[in-house]
Protein backbone atom coordinates (compact mmCIF):
# COMPACT_ATOMS: atom_id res chain seq x y z
CA MET A 1 35.40 -54.98 -29.28
CA GLN A 2 33.87 -51.87 -31.20
CA LEU A 3 30.56 -52.29 -28.82
CA ILE A 4 32.92 -52.58 -25.82
CA ALA A 5 35.21 -49.55 -26.77
CA PHE A 6 31.35 -47.26 -26.94
CA LEU A 7 30.13 -48.50 -23.03
CA LEU A 8 33.29 -47.22 -22.13
CA SER A 9 33.08 -44.10 -24.32
CA VAL A 10 29.55 -43.21 -22.41
CA LEU A 11 31.23 -44.24 -19.26
CA TYR A 12 33.84 -41.69 -19.68
CA LEU A 13 31.70 -39.24 -20.48
CA SER A 14 29.28 -39.50 -17.83
CA HIS A 15 32.05 -38.78 -15.64
CA VAL A 16 33.22 -36.39 -16.81
CA ASN A 17 30.10 -34.73 -17.12
CA SER A 18 29.49 -35.45 -13.32
CA GLU A 19 32.81 -33.73 -12.38
CA ASN A 20 31.66 -30.79 -15.01
CA LEU A 21 31.12 -28.44 -12.30
CA ARG A 22 33.89 -26.77 -10.94
CA SER A 23 34.55 -26.47 -7.57
CA VAL A 24 36.30 -23.74 -5.59
CA SER A 25 38.17 -21.58 -3.00
CA ASP A 26 36.65 -19.21 -0.53
CA ASP A 27 39.74 -16.98 -2.16
CA GLU A 28 38.51 -18.20 -5.29
CA LEU A 29 35.53 -17.29 -5.21
CA LEU A 30 36.02 -14.16 -3.73
CA GLN A 31 37.98 -13.20 -6.03
CA LEU A 32 35.09 -14.33 -8.86
CA ILE A 33 32.36 -12.26 -7.23
CA LYS A 34 34.46 -9.19 -7.53
CA GLU A 35 35.51 -10.04 -11.36
CA GLU A 36 32.04 -11.93 -12.77
CA GLU A 37 29.29 -9.40 -13.58
CA LYS A 38 26.88 -12.98 -12.38
CA LEU A 39 27.90 -15.59 -11.13
CA LEU A 40 26.22 -18.87 -9.76
CA VAL A 41 27.23 -20.77 -6.74
CA LEU A 42 26.35 -23.98 -5.10
CA PHE A 43 27.75 -24.62 -1.70
CA HIS A 44 28.35 -27.74 -1.03
CA LYS A 45 29.69 -29.99 1.92
CA PRO A 46 30.26 -33.61 1.58
CA ASN A 47 28.26 -36.71 2.24
CA CYS A 48 25.06 -34.49 1.80
CA LYS A 49 22.86 -36.18 -0.68
CA GLU A 50 21.08 -33.02 -0.98
CA CYS A 51 24.06 -31.37 -2.05
CA ASP A 52 24.81 -33.72 -4.02
CA LYS A 53 21.43 -33.56 -6.43
CA LEU A 54 21.49 -30.05 -5.90
CA GLU A 55 24.61 -29.90 -7.84
CA SER A 56 23.31 -32.69 -10.61
CA LEU A 57 20.65 -29.59 -11.45
CA VAL A 58 23.44 -27.07 -11.53
CA ASP A 59 25.42 -29.10 -13.32
CA SER A 60 22.63 -29.64 -16.18
CA LEU A 61 22.29 -26.10 -16.63
CA GLN A 62 25.22 -24.67 -16.61
CA GLU A 63 25.35 -24.28 -19.86
CA ASP A 64 22.50 -22.41 -20.38
CA PHE A 65 23.20 -20.60 -17.31
CA GLU A 66 26.82 -19.36 -19.48
CA LYS A 67 25.04 -19.16 -22.88
CA GLN A 68 21.97 -17.43 -21.79
CA LEU A 69 22.08 -15.42 -18.52
CA ASN A 70 26.28 -15.02 -18.88
CA ALA A 71 26.52 -16.28 -15.66
CA LEU A 72 29.04 -18.68 -14.54
CA SER A 73 28.59 -21.76 -12.43
CA VAL A 74 30.91 -23.09 -9.56
CA LYS A 75 30.96 -25.01 -6.10
CA VAL A 76 32.62 -24.47 -3.32
CA ILE A 77 33.06 -27.17 -0.44
CA ASN A 78 32.80 -26.48 2.90
CA SER A 79 33.49 -23.13 2.75
CA HIS A 80 33.76 -21.02 5.82
CA LEU A 81 32.15 -18.03 3.71
CA ALA A 82 28.48 -19.86 3.72
CA ARG A 83 26.58 -18.47 6.50
CA LEU A 84 27.39 -15.53 5.25
CA TYR A 85 24.85 -16.00 2.22
CA SER A 86 22.54 -18.51 4.16
CA PRO A 87 21.15 -19.10 7.53
CA THR A 88 21.29 -22.42 6.99
CA LYS A 89 24.41 -23.23 5.25
CA GLU A 90 24.73 -26.19 2.85
CA PRO A 91 23.21 -26.64 0.47
CA ALA A 92 22.50 -23.04 -0.53
CA ILE A 93 22.31 -21.79 -4.28
CA VAL A 94 23.77 -18.11 -4.27
CA PHE A 95 23.43 -16.22 -7.45
CA PHE A 96 25.95 -13.00 -7.58
CA ARG A 97 24.34 -9.78 -9.56
CA HIS A 98 27.35 -7.62 -9.80
CA GLY A 99 28.68 -9.06 -6.37
CA VAL A 100 25.04 -8.74 -4.77
CA PRO A 101 24.10 -12.25 -3.50
CA LEU A 102 20.46 -13.88 -3.66
CA LEU A 103 19.38 -17.21 -1.95
CA TYR A 104 17.63 -18.85 -4.01
CA ASN A 105 14.63 -20.52 -2.48
CA GLY A 106 12.93 -23.13 -4.45
CA GLU A 107 12.65 -26.18 -5.66
CA ALA A 108 15.14 -28.57 -6.62
CA ASN A 109 13.87 -28.50 -10.17
CA GLU A 110 15.07 -27.53 -13.67
CA GLY A 111 12.49 -25.19 -14.57
CA GLU A 112 11.53 -23.47 -11.48
CA LEU A 113 15.56 -22.48 -10.98
CA TYR A 114 16.27 -21.75 -14.70
CA GLY A 115 12.47 -19.33 -14.69
CA TYR A 116 14.16 -17.33 -10.95
CA LEU A 117 17.06 -17.01 -12.76
CA GLU A 118 16.23 -15.57 -15.78
CA GLN A 119 13.36 -13.13 -13.55
CA ASN A 120 16.04 -11.91 -11.41
CA GLN A 121 19.20 -10.62 -13.01
CA SER A 122 19.58 -7.79 -11.47
CA PRO A 123 18.93 -7.14 -7.63
CA SER A 124 15.18 -6.70 -6.56
CA VAL A 125 16.19 -4.58 -3.36
CA LYS A 126 16.15 -0.73 -3.48
CA GLU A 127 18.48 1.69 -1.36
CA LEU A 128 16.63 4.44 0.08
CA THR A 129 17.82 7.25 1.80
CA ASP A 130 16.79 10.04 4.26
CA LYS A 131 16.21 12.47 0.92
CA ILE A 132 14.04 9.92 -0.94
CA PHE A 133 12.24 8.01 1.44
CA GLU A 134 9.48 10.04 1.57
CA HIS A 135 8.82 10.92 -1.83
CA LEU A 136 9.08 7.55 -3.08
CA THR A 137 7.06 5.25 -0.32
CA GLN A 138 4.35 8.04 0.05
CA ALA A 139 4.31 6.71 3.49
CA ALA A 140 2.49 9.26 5.37
CA THR A 141 -0.01 10.18 2.60
CA GLY A 142 -1.30 6.67 2.33
CA ALA A 143 1.07 4.79 0.33
CA THR A 144 0.26 5.76 -3.10
CA THR A 145 3.60 3.42 -4.61
CA GLY A 146 2.47 0.91 -3.09
CA ASP A 147 3.34 -1.10 -0.24
CA TRP A 148 6.45 -1.09 0.93
CA PHE A 149 8.91 -3.41 3.11
CA VAL A 150 11.81 -1.90 4.63
CA MET A 151 14.67 -2.93 6.39
CA PHE A 152 16.92 -1.27 8.86
CA TYR A 153 20.73 -2.38 8.64
CA GLY A 154 24.11 -0.60 9.97
CA ALA A 155 27.71 -1.66 8.78
CA SER A 156 28.23 -3.12 12.13
CA CYS A 157 25.60 -5.01 11.99
CA VAL A 158 26.97 -9.09 11.73
CA GLU A 159 23.52 -9.70 11.36
CA CYS A 160 22.25 -7.57 9.14
CA GLN A 161 25.44 -8.88 6.50
CA ARG A 162 24.08 -12.35 6.96
CA LEU A 163 20.85 -10.90 5.60
CA HIS A 164 21.94 -9.62 2.66
CA ALA A 165 21.10 -12.64 0.24
CA VAL A 166 18.19 -13.14 2.85
CA TRP A 167 16.65 -10.26 1.90
CA GLU A 168 17.39 -9.61 -1.69
CA GLY A 169 15.62 -13.38 -1.55
CA VAL A 170 12.57 -11.58 -0.54
CA GLY A 171 12.54 -8.81 -2.93
CA ALA A 172 12.54 -11.32 -6.16
CA THR A 173 9.44 -13.35 -4.23
CA LEU A 174 7.64 -10.31 -4.08
CA ARG A 175 8.88 -8.57 -6.63
CA GLY A 176 6.08 -6.72 -9.05
CA ARG A 177 3.90 -7.03 -5.35
CA VAL A 178 5.65 -5.18 -2.38
CA ASN A 179 8.48 -3.16 -3.01
CA VAL A 180 11.12 -4.49 -1.23
CA ALA A 181 14.33 -1.77 0.06
CA ARG A 182 17.10 -1.28 3.02
CA MET A 183 18.35 1.45 4.43
CA ASP A 184 21.31 2.14 6.14
CA SER A 185 19.75 3.32 9.81
CA ASN A 186 23.74 4.72 11.05
CA LEU A 187 24.13 7.39 7.88
CA ALA A 188 21.85 7.69 5.00
CA GLY A 189 19.45 6.91 6.69
CA SER A 190 19.14 8.39 9.76
CA LEU A 191 17.08 10.54 9.90
CA THR A 192 14.20 7.93 9.42
CA ALA A 193 15.63 5.49 11.50
CA LYS A 194 14.86 8.00 14.22
CA ARG A 195 11.96 8.76 13.02
CA PHE A 196 10.57 5.25 13.49
CA LYS A 197 11.95 5.12 16.41
CA VAL A 198 14.26 2.26 15.05
CA THR A 199 16.83 1.52 18.17
CA LYS A 200 18.00 -2.23 17.02
CA LEU A 201 19.62 -3.72 14.18
CA PRO A 202 18.30 -5.19 12.07
CA ALA A 203 14.62 -3.94 12.21
CA PHE A 204 12.19 -4.28 9.59
CA LEU A 205 9.28 -2.64 8.54
CA PHE A 206 6.44 -2.79 6.58
CA PHE A 207 4.55 0.36 5.10
CA ARG A 208 0.63 0.35 4.06
CA LEU A 209 -2.02 2.96 3.16
CA GLY A 210 -0.69 5.06 5.31
CA LYS A 211 -0.02 2.13 8.64
CA VAL A 212 3.36 0.40 9.81
CA TYR A 213 4.00 -2.86 10.82
CA ARG A 214 6.78 -4.09 12.54
CA TYR A 215 7.90 -6.83 12.25
CA ASP A 216 8.83 -8.92 15.19
CA ILE A 217 9.01 -12.23 14.41
CA PRO A 218 12.18 -14.03 15.16
CA LYS A 219 12.52 -16.16 12.65
CA TYR A 220 14.42 -14.07 9.54
CA ASP A 221 13.78 -16.46 6.35
CA ILE A 222 12.41 -16.07 3.33
CA LYS A 223 9.39 -17.44 3.43
CA SER A 224 8.42 -15.88 7.08
CA PHE A 225 8.86 -12.85 5.64
CA VAL A 226 6.84 -12.98 2.81
CA ILE A 227 3.91 -14.65 4.70
CA PHE A 228 4.47 -11.08 6.82
CA ALA A 229 3.75 -8.87 3.99
CA GLN A 230 1.54 -10.87 2.64
CA ASP A 231 -1.32 -11.54 5.03
CA TRP A 232 0.33 -11.68 8.59
CA TYR A 233 1.03 -8.37 9.14
CA LYS A 234 -2.47 -8.16 9.73
CA ASN A 235 -1.84 -9.98 13.24
CA VAL A 236 -0.03 -6.88 14.10
CA LYS A 237 -0.76 -3.23 15.52
CA GLY A 238 -0.22 -1.09 12.92
CA GLU A 239 0.90 2.41 13.94
CA ALA A 240 0.14 5.71 12.36
CA VAL A 241 3.09 6.50 10.03
CA PRO A 242 4.82 9.59 12.14
CA LEU A 243 4.56 13.53 10.22
CA LEU A 244 8.20 14.64 8.91
CA SER A 245 9.34 16.95 11.24
CA SER A 246 10.02 20.69 10.54
CA PRO A 247 13.20 22.52 10.82
CA PHE A 248 12.39 23.58 13.95
CA ASP A 249 11.57 20.35 15.59
CA GLU A 250 15.34 19.30 14.30
CA ILE A 251 16.08 21.74 16.31
CA VAL A 252 14.28 21.19 19.90
CA ASP A 253 15.05 17.52 19.64
CA TRP A 254 19.36 17.56 18.60
CA CYS A 255 19.17 20.40 22.05
CA VAL A 256 16.79 17.99 24.44
CA GLU A 257 19.73 15.65 22.75
CA MET A 258 22.32 17.56 23.57
CA ILE A 259 20.79 17.86 27.14
CA LYS A 260 20.66 14.27 27.75
CA PHE A 261 24.48 14.21 26.59
CA SER A 262 25.72 16.42 28.64
CA ILE A 263 23.69 15.40 31.70
CA LYS A 264 25.16 11.68 30.91
CA VAL A 265 28.41 12.93 30.97
CA GLY A 266 28.61 14.96 33.60
CA LEU A 267 27.29 11.77 35.51
CA GLU A 268 29.90 9.33 34.71
CA ILE A 269 32.47 12.41 35.62
CA LEU A 270 30.96 11.97 38.90
CA VAL A 271 30.86 8.25 39.28
CA ASN A 272 34.11 7.34 37.94
CA TYR A 273 36.24 11.15 38.56
CA PRO A 274 34.84 11.82 42.45
CA TRP A 275 37.85 13.91 42.76
CA ILE A 276 36.60 16.09 40.24
CA TRP A 277 33.46 17.18 42.22
CA GLN A 278 35.43 17.41 45.04
CA ILE A 279 38.12 20.37 44.03
CA GLY A 280 35.18 21.53 42.60
CA PHE A 281 32.79 21.54 45.59
CA ALA A 282 36.40 22.74 47.41
CA GLY A 283 36.74 25.68 45.16
CA PHE A 284 33.42 26.87 45.14
CA GLY A 285 33.35 26.58 49.45
CA LEU A 286 36.62 28.97 49.22
CA VAL A 287 34.75 31.65 46.75
CA ALA A 288 31.67 31.30 48.98
CA LEU A 289 34.30 32.04 52.08
CA THR A 290 36.22 34.39 50.39
CA ALA A 291 33.25 36.33 49.57
CA VAL A 292 31.86 36.85 52.71
CA ILE A 293 34.83 37.93 55.15
CA ALA A 294 35.77 40.79 52.08
CA LEU A 295 31.47 41.69 52.86
CA MET A 296 32.25 41.83 56.67
CA LYS A 297 35.59 43.91 55.83
CA ALA A 298 33.40 46.25 53.51
CA ARG A 299 31.04 46.48 56.72
CA LYS A 300 33.48 47.47 59.03
CA SER A 301 34.56 49.76 56.69
CA LYS A 302 31.94 52.03 55.81
CA PRO A 303 31.41 54.90 58.68
CA THR A 304 28.17 54.77 60.61
CA LYS A 305 25.54 57.78 60.37
CA GLU A 306 26.49 58.58 64.06
CA GLY A 307 29.85 58.63 63.63
CA LYS A 308 29.36 61.66 60.22
CA LYS A 309 27.17 63.49 62.76
CA GLU A 310 30.00 63.32 65.40
CA LYS A 311 32.51 64.57 62.95
CA LYS A 312 30.00 67.58 61.64
CA ARG A 313 30.22 68.94 65.47
CA LYS A 314 33.60 68.68 65.43
C-alpha cells in the first residue's frame, strides 16, 4: 500500500509540474508586459509538438528564470499578439525587458536558452537621432566606432512594429561585433533618413569603413540579417557615405521642396477644380481688355503736335 501511495504521489507531482507553466489571455499578457520588469512568454498553439517541446523546456527552467533573472514565465495559447512579435507566429519564445521584446532564435536547449537570456537582460538595440547619429557612428569619417546596422522605421509602418522583437534578436546575436540601432525616419531621424535617401519603410542600412550597404533582401528574419552583416554585404555595391549638409544646403533643399510642393498643389487644383483657372483666365482677360480700352482713350484725348501749332497761330 505504501508503494502504491508513493507511485500515485509521483504521478500526481509529475502531472502538476507538467501544468506548472501559467497560461494567460491576451489581455492579461498586455498587463503583465506593462507591470513586469522581465517577462518570458511562450506563444503556443494546440496540437503542436514543437510547442509542447518548448513548453517543457521553459517549464523546466522557469524556477531558474525567476530566481536568477527575476523573470516571470507564462504561456499564451492562440494569441492574436503572436504575429506582432514573431513573423512565423507560434511557437515562439519572447523575452520582455521593461516592455522591450526579444525574439529567441536558438535551439530548444536548456543551456543555450538560459545563456541567451542571461546575456541579454537589457536591450541591445540603440535608439539613434539626427543629433547623435554622426557622433556615435562616425559614418562619414570611416566608422571608427565600428560597424553599424541601422533600421529606419516609422510609427505608422505596421511591418516595422512587427520587426521590433526580430531586430532586438539581431542586436543580441551580433552583440560585441556589430552595433545594431534603429531610427525614426519621420521624427527624430528624419534628416538622416533624407540624407541617405530612405523613402520606403522599413529600411536597413549597414555602415562600414565610410561606405553604406543597403539590405534589399526580401527576408526579414534574424538569420538573414545576421548573415548580411557578417559577410553577405560584400555582394552589395557599397555607396560612399554622403557628407553632412551645411545650413545653406538645408535652406536650398527646403526651397526646392517648397517649389515642388507649390507646383504639385497648383497642378492638383487645375485638375480637380478647372473652374478656378477658368475664372482666373477670364479675370486676366477682363483686366487686359480694360487696360487696352483705357490706353486707346488716353491716346485719343492726347493733343497732337499739329493741333498745338494751330492753336498757337490763332
